[in-house]
Amino acid sequence: MPQWTSTASIAYRHSFTEQLAVTARADSTYVGSRTDETYSINQLPSYDLTNIRAGWMVDAGPPFSS
């Protein structure tokens, strides 16, 4: 088990109109070094995993009905 782990995230949304907005999000996770004792003793290095995504949100209004 690593001695240190941490997670951080940030999200952003900007509306252009009532129906259209742009969104963005970034998440980062850090895992410190740790010892693996599966078959032999190995020191696993620390790592950082970062995810970034962006997109558009479109509200098309109520669904059509016949």
PDB file of N, CA and C in Angstrom:
ATOM      1  N   MET A   1       0.853  -1.169   0.000  1.00  0.00           N
ATOM      2  CA  MET A   1       0.000   0.000   0.000  1.00  0.00           C
ATOM      3  C   MET A   1       0.906   1.241   0.000  1.00  0.00           C
ATOM      4  N   PRO A   2       0.624   2.208  -0.885  1.00  0.00           N
ATOM      5  CA  PRO A   2       1.454   3.412  -0.925  1.00  0.00           C
ATOM      6  C   PRO A   2       1.245   4.274   0.320  1.00  0.00           C
ATOM      7  N   GLN A   3       2.301   4.986   0.689  1.00  0.00           N
ATOM      8  CA  GLN A   3       2.198   5.886   1.840  1.00  0.00           C
ATOM      9  C   GLN A   3       1.382   7.121   1.475  1.00  0.00           C
ATOM     10  N   TRP A   4       1.454   7.574   0.211  1.00  0.00           N
ATOM     11  CA  TRP A   4       0.759   8.785  -0.207  1.00  0.00           C
ATOM     12  C   TRP A   4      -0.101   8.532  -1.435  1.00  0.00           C
ATOM     13  N   THR A   5      -1.306   9.042  -1.408  1.00  0.00           N
ATOM     14  CA  THR A   5      -2.170   9.119  -2.588  1.00  0.00           C
ATOM     15  C   THR A   5      -2.907  10.454  -2.520  1.00  0.00           C
ATOM     16  N   SER A   6      -3.230  11.005  -3.670  1.00  0.00           N
ATOM     17  CA  SER A   6      -4.009  12.248  -3.697  1.00  0.00           C
ATOM     18  C   SER A   6      -4.785  12.324  -5.003  1.00  0.00           C
ATOM     19  N   THR A   7      -5.862  13.072  -4.963  1.00  0.00           N
ATOM     20  CA  THR A   7      -6.711  13.269  -6.129  1.00  0.00           C
ATOM     21  C   THR A   7      -7.149  14.722  -6.164  1.00  0.00           C
ATOM     22  N   ALA A   8      -7.160  15.300  -7.365  1.00  0.00           N
ATOM     23  CA  ALA A   8      -7.640  16.676  -7.549  1.00  0.00           C
ATOM     24  C   ALA A   8      -8.430  16.740  -8.850  1.00  0.00           C
ATOM     25  N   SER A   9      -9.431  17.598  -8.886  1.00  0.00           N
ATOM     26  CA  SER A   9     -10.203  17.781 -10.114  1.00  0.00           C
ATOM     27  C   SER A   9     -10.693  19.214 -10.198  1.00  0.00           C
ATOM     28  N   ILE A  10     -10.945  19.628 -11.438  1.00  0.00           N
ATOM     29  CA  ILE A  10     -11.483  20.958 -11.685  1.00  0.00           C
ATOM     30  C   ILE A  10     -12.458  20.840 -12.852  1.00  0.00           C
ATOM     31  N   ALA A  11     -13.565  21.584 -12.766  1.00  0.00           N
ATOM     32  CA  ALA A  11     -14.579  21.552 -13.822  1.00  0.00           C
ATOM     33  C   ALA A  11     -14.952  22.978 -14.196  1.00  0.00           C
ATOM     34  N   TYR A  12     -15.296  23.167 -15.473  1.00  0.00           N
ATOM     35  CA  TYR A  12     -15.644  24.494 -15.975  1.00  0.00           C
ATOM     36  C   TYR A  12     -16.814  24.354 -16.935  1.00  0.00           C
ATOM     37  N   ARG A  13     -17.735  25.308 -16.880  1.00  0.00           N
ATOM     38  CA  ARG A  13     -18.861  25.346 -17.813  1.00  0.00           C
ATOM     39  C   ARG A  13     -19.116  26.797 -18.179  1.00  0.00           C
ATOM     40  N   HIS A  14     -19.280  27.049 -19.477  1.00  0.00           N
ATOM     41  CA  HIS A  14     -19.582  28.390 -19.957  1.00  0.00           C
ATOM     42  C   HIS A  14     -20.767  28.300 -20.915  1.00  0.00           C
ATOM     43  N   SER A  15     -21.835  29.012 -20.585  1.00  0.00           N
ATOM     44  CA  SER A  15     -23.029  29.017 -21.433  1.00  0.00           C
ATOM     45  C   SER A  15     -22.919  30.124 -22.471  1.00  0.00           C
ATOM     46  N   PHE A  16     -23.116  29.754 -23.732  1.00  0.00           N
ATOM     47  CA  PHE A  16     -23.166  30.739 -24.809  1.00  0.00           C
ATOM     48  C   PHE A  16     -24.590  31.247 -24.997  1.00  0.00           C
ATOM     49  N   THR A  17     -25.536  30.344 -24.930  1.00  0.00           N
ATOM     50  CA  THR A  17     -26.964  30.673 -24.984  1.00  0.00           C
ATOM     51  C   THR A  17     -27.661  29.774 -23.970  1.00  0.00           C
ATOM     52  N   GLU A  18     -28.985  29.876 -23.897  1.00  0.00           N
ATOM     53  CA  GLU A  18     -29.720  28.997 -22.987  1.00  0.00           C
ATOM     54  C   GLU A  18     -29.653  27.543 -23.430  1.00  0.00           C
ATOM     55  N   GLN A  19     -29.417  27.314 -24.720  1.00  0.00           N
ATOM     56  CA  GLN A  19     -29.392  25.956 -25.241  1.00  0.00           C
ATOM     57  C   GLN A  19     -27.979  25.410 -25.495  1.00  0.00           C
ATOM     58  N   LEU A  20     -26.944  26.232 -25.430  1.00  0.00           N
ATOM     59  CA  LEU A  20     -25.602  25.802 -25.823  1.00  0.00           C
ATOM     60  C   LEU A  20     -24.572  26.209 -24.771  1.00  0.00           C
ATOM     61  N   ALA A  21     -23.772  25.232 -24.350  1.00  0.00           N
ATOM     62  CA  ALA A  21     -22.710  25.492 -23.366  1.00  0.00           C
ATOM     63  C   ALA A  21     -21.509  24.611 -23.694  1.00  0.00           C
ATOM     64  N   VAL A  22     -20.332  25.074 -23.322  1.00  0.00           N
ATOM     65  CA  VAL A  22     -19.112  24.290 -23.449  1.00  0.00           C
ATOM     66  C   VAL A  22     -18.697  23.868 -22.036  1.00  0.00           C
ATOM     67  N   THR A  23     -18.196  22.636 -21.910  1.00  0.00           N
ATOM     68  CA  THR A  23     -17.761  22.134 -20.611  1.00  0.00           C
ATOM     69  C   THR A  23     -16.340  21.589 -20.722  1.00  0.00           C
ATOM     70  N   ALA A  24     -15.628  21.628 -19.612  1.00  0.00           N
ATOM     71  CA  ALA A  24     -14.281  21.066 -19.551  1.00  0.00           C
ATOM     72  C   ALA A  24     -14.057  20.528 -18.143  1.00  0.00           C
ATOM     73  N   ARG A  25     -13.259  19.471 -18.057  1.00  0.00           N
ATOM     74  CA  ARG A  25     -12.954  18.877 -16.760  1.00  0.00           C
ATOM     75  C   ARG A  25     -11.570  18.248 -16.822  1.00  0.00           C
ATOM     76  N   ALA A  26     -10.830  18.357 -15.723  1.00  0.00           N
ATOM     77  CA  ALA A  26      -9.528  17.704 -15.598  1.00  0.00           C
ATOM     78  C   ALA A  26      -9.465  17.029 -14.227  1.00  0.00           C
ATOM     79  N   ASP A  27      -9.021  15.789 -14.218  1.00  0.00           N
ATOM     80  CA  ASP A  27      -8.850  15.008 -12.992  1.00  0.00           C
ATOM     81  C   ASP A  27      -7.414  14.496 -12.950  1.00  0.00           C
ATOM     82  N   SER A  28      -6.813  14.520 -11.781  1.00  0.00           N
ATOM     83  CA  SER A  28      -5.452  14.006 -11.630  1.00  0.00           C
ATOM     84  C   SER A  28      -5.380  13.176 -10.350  1.00  0.00           C
ATOM     85  N   THR A  29      -4.744  12.011 -10.452  1.00  0.00           N
ATOM     86  CA  THR A  29      -4.569  11.120  -9.315  1.00  0.00           C
ATOM     87  C   THR A  29      -3.090  10.770  -9.187  1.00  0.00           C
ATOM     88  N   TYR A  30      -2.548  10.892  -7.995  1.00  0.00           N
ATOM     89  CA  TYR A  30      -1.161  10.530  -7.712  1.00  0.00           C
ATOM     90  C   TYR A  30      -1.154   9.329  -6.772  1.00  0.00           C
ATOM     91  N   VAL A  31      -0.320   8.355  -7.091  1.00  0.00           N
ATOM     92  CA  VAL A  31      -0.126   7.190  -6.224  1.00  0.00           C
ATOM     93  C   VAL A  31       1.368   7.078  -5.956  1.00  0.00           C
ATOM     94  N   GLY A  32       1.734   7.080  -4.696  1.00  0.00           N
ATOM     95  CA  GLY A  32       3.145   7.008  -4.321  1.00  0.00           C
ATOM     96  C   GLY A  32       3.743   5.626  -4.545  1.00  0.00           C
ATOM     97  N   SER A  33       5.050   5.535  -4.407  1.00  0.00           N
ATOM     98  CA  SER A  33       5.727   4.258  -4.597  1.00  0.00           C
ATOM     99  C   SER A  33       5.268   3.268  -3.532  1.00  0.00           C
ATOM    100  N   ARG A  34       5.385   1.993  -3.866  1.00  0.00           N
ATOM    101  CA  ARG A  34       4.930   0.948  -2.958  1.00  0.00           C
ATOM    102  C   ARG A  34       5.704  -0.330  -3.238  1.00  0.00           C
ATOM    103  N   THR A  35       5.602  -1.266  -2.336  1.00  0.00           N
ATOM    104  CA  THR A  35       6.301  -2.537  -2.462  1.00  0.00           C
ATOM    105  C   THR A  35       5.314  -3.618  -2.887  1.00  0.00           C
ATOM    106  N   ASP A  36       5.690  -4.375  -3.921  1.00  0.00           N
ATOM    107  CA  ASP A  36       4.892  -5.503  -4.405  1.00  0.00           C
ATOM    108  C   ASP A  36       5.581  -6.781  -3.944  1.00  0.00           C
ATOM    109  N   GLU A  37       4.852  -7.625  -3.253  1.00  0.00           N
ATOM    110  CA  GLU A  37       5.415  -8.863  -2.737  1.00  0.00           C
ATOM    111  C   GLU A  37       4.676 -10.074  -3.293  1.00  0.00           C
ATOM    112  N   THR A  38       4.316 -10.043  -4.581  1.00  0.00           N
ATOM    113  CA  THR A  38       3.551 -11.127  -5.172  1.00  0.00           C
ATOM    114  C   THR A  38       4.386 -12.407  -5.269  1.00  0.00           C
ATOM    115  N   TYR A  39       5.439 -12.393  -6.081  1.00  0.00           N
ATOM    116  CA  TYR A  39       6.329 -13.552  -6.218  1.00  0.00           C
ATOM    117  C   TYR A  39       7.708 -13.263  -5.627  1.00  0.00           C
ATOM    118  N   SER A  40       8.129 -12.036  -5.781  1.00  0.00           N
ATOM    119  CA  SER A  40       9.374 -11.569  -5.177  1.00  0.00           C
ATOM    120  C   SER A  40       9.147 -10.118  -4.758  1.00  0.00           C
ATOM    121  N   ILE A  41      10.049  -9.561  -4.005  1.00  0.00           N
ATOM    122  CA  ILE A  41       9.867  -8.191  -3.516  1.00  0.00           C
ATOM    123  C   ILE A  41      10.328  -7.223  -4.593  1.00  0.00           C
ATOM    124  N   ASN A  42       9.423  -6.377  -5.062  1.00  0.00           N
ATOM    125  CA  ASN A  42       9.696  -5.362  -6.082  1.00  0.00           C
ATOM    126  C   ASN A  42       9.234  -4.008  -5.573  1.00  0.00           C
ATOM    127  N   GLN A  43      10.013  -2.992  -5.842  1.00  0.00           N
ATOM    128  CA  GLN A  43       9.620  -1.625  -5.510  1.00  0.00           C
ATOM    129  C   GLN A  43       8.952  -1.023  -6.745  1.00  0.00           C
ATOM    130  N   LEU A  44       7.671  -0.717  -6.660  1.00  0.00           N
ATOM    131  CA  LEU A  44       6.940  -0.120  -7.777  1.00  0.00           C
ATOM    132  C   LEU A  44       7.053   1.404  -7.694  1.00  0.00           C
ATOM    133  N   PRO A  45       7.321   2.063  -8.823  1.00  0.00           N
ATOM    134  CA  PRO A  45       7.482   3.524  -8.786  1.00  0.00           C
ATOM    135  C   PRO A  45       6.145   4.241  -8.613  1.00  0.00           C
ATOM    136  N   SER A  46       6.228   5.477  -8.180  1.00  0.00           N
ATOM    137  CA  SER A  46       5.029   6.305  -8.083  1.00  0.00           C
ATOM    138  C   SER A  46       4.571   6.690  -9.492  1.00  0.00           C
ATOM    139  N   TYR A  47       3.301   7.091  -9.609  1.00  0.00           N
ATOM    140  CA  TYR A  47       2.788   7.528 -10.908  1.00  0.00           C
ATOM    141  C   TYR A  47       1.669   8.543 -10.729  1.00  0.00           C
ATOM    142  N   ASP A  48       1.420   9.286 -11.787  1.00  0.00           N
ATOM    143  CA  ASP A  48       0.348  10.279 -11.831  1.00  0.00           C
ATOM    144  C   ASP A  48      -0.492   9.988 -13.067  1.00  0.00           C
ATOM    145  N   LEU A  49      -1.797   9.910 -12.899  1.00  0.00           N
ATOM    146  CA  LEU A  49      -2.722   9.665 -13.998  1.00  0.00           C
ATOM    147  C   LEU A  49      -3.608  10.898 -14.137  1.00  0.00           C
ATOM    148  N   THR A  50      -3.602  11.518 -15.318  1.00  0.00           N
ATOM    149  CA  THR A  50      -4.384  12.732 -15.562  1.00  0.00           C
ATOM    150  C   THR A  50      -5.348  12.497 -16.710  1.00  0.00           C
ATOM    151  N   ASN A  51      -6.605  12.849 -16.508  1.00  0.00           N
ATOM    152  CA  ASN A  51      -7.647  12.760 -17.526  1.00  0.00           C
ATOM    153  C   ASN A  51      -8.156  14.161 -17.824  1.00  0.00           C
ATOM    154  N   ILE A  52      -8.273  14.484 -19.108  1.00  0.00           N
ATOM    155  CA  ILE A  52      -8.798  15.786 -19.536  1.00  0.00           C
ATOM    156  C   ILE A  52      -9.894  15.528 -20.559  1.00  0.00           C
ATOM    157  N   ARG A  53     -11.017  16.213 -20.399  1.00  0.00           N
ATOM    158  CA  ARG A  53     -12.092  16.072 -21.376  1.00  0.00           C
ATOM    159  C   ARG A  53     -12.801  17.400 -21.560  1.00  0.00           C
ATOM    160  N   ALA A  54     -13.393  17.560 -22.726  1.00  0.00           N
ATOM    161  CA  ALA A  54     -14.140  18.774 -23.049  1.00  0.00           C
ATOM    162  C   ALA A  54     -15.304  18.387 -23.951  1.00  0.00           C
ATOM    163  N   GLY A  55     -16.333  19.204 -23.961  1.00  0.00           N
ATOM    164  CA  GLY A  55     -17.476  18.897 -24.804  1.00  0.00           C
ATOM    165  C   GLY A  55     -18.464  20.039 -24.867  1.00  0.00           C
ATOM    166  N   TRP A  56     -19.467  19.815 -25.681  1.00  0.00           N
ATOM    167  CA  TRP A  56     -20.567  20.756 -25.844  1.00  0.00           C
ATOM    168  C   TRP A  56     -21.818  20.169 -25.218  1.00  0.00           C
ATOM    169  N   MET A  57     -22.612  21.005 -24.581  1.00  0.00           N
ATOM    170  CA  MET A  57     -23.920  20.586 -24.082  1.00  0.00           C
ATOM    171  C   MET A  57     -24.967  21.355 -24.879  1.00  0.00           C
ATOM    172  N   VAL A  58     -25.857  20.612 -25.527  1.00  0.00           N
ATOM    173  CA  VAL A  58     -26.892  21.219 -26.349  1.00  0.00           C
ATOM    174  C   VAL A  58     -28.237  20.763 -25.814  1.00  0.00           C
ATOM    175  N   ASP A  59     -29.090  21.716 -25.484  1.00  0.00           N
ATOM    176  CA  ASP A  59     -30.454  21.409 -25.043  1.00  0.00           C
ATOM    177  C   ASP A  59     -31.362  21.628 -26.253  1.00  0.00           C
ATOM    178  N   ALA A  60     -31.840  20.541 -26.805  1.00  0.00           N
ATOM    179  CA  ALA A  60     -32.682  20.611 -28.006  1.00  0.00           C
ATOM    180  C   ALA A  60     -34.140  20.929 -27.673  1.00  0.00           C
ATOM    181  N   GLY A  61     -34.450  21.119 -26.429  1.00  0.00           N
ATOM    182  CA  GLY A  61     -35.824  21.429 -26.050  1.00  0.00           C
ATOM    183  C   GLY A  61     -36.605  20.148 -25.783  1.00  0.00           C
ATOM    184  N   PRO A  62     -37.913  20.287 -25.609  1.00  0.00           N
ATOM    185  CA  PRO A  62     -38.734  19.102 -25.314  1.00  0.00           C
ATOM    186  C   PRO A  62     -38.788  18.161 -26.520  1.00  0.00           C
ATOM    187  N   PRO A  63     -38.941  16.858 -26.266  1.00  0.00           N
ATOM    188  CA  PRO A  63     -39.033  15.919 -27.386  1.00  0.00           C
ATOM    189  C   PRO A  63     -40.300  16.169 -28.194  1.00  0.00           C
ATOM    190  N   PHE A  64     -40.235  15.767 -29.455  1.00  0.00           N
ATOM    191  CA  PHE A  64     -41.396  15.925 -30.329  1.00  0.00           C
ATOM    192  C   PHE A  64     -42.471  14.917 -29.971  1.00  0.00           C
ATOM    193  N   SER A  65     -43.707  15.312 -30.117  1.00  0.00           N
ATOM    194  CA  SER A  65     -44.820  14.387 -29.893  1.00  0.00           C
ATOM    195  C   SER A  65     -45.779  14.494 -31.076  1.00  0.00           C
ATOM    196  N   SER A  66     -46.413  13.398 -31.378  1.00  0.00           N
ATOM    197  CA  SER A  66     -47.318  13.400 -32.533  1.00  0.00           C
ATOM    198  C   SER A  66     -48.743  13.615 -32.136  1.00  0.00           C
TER     199      SER A  66
END
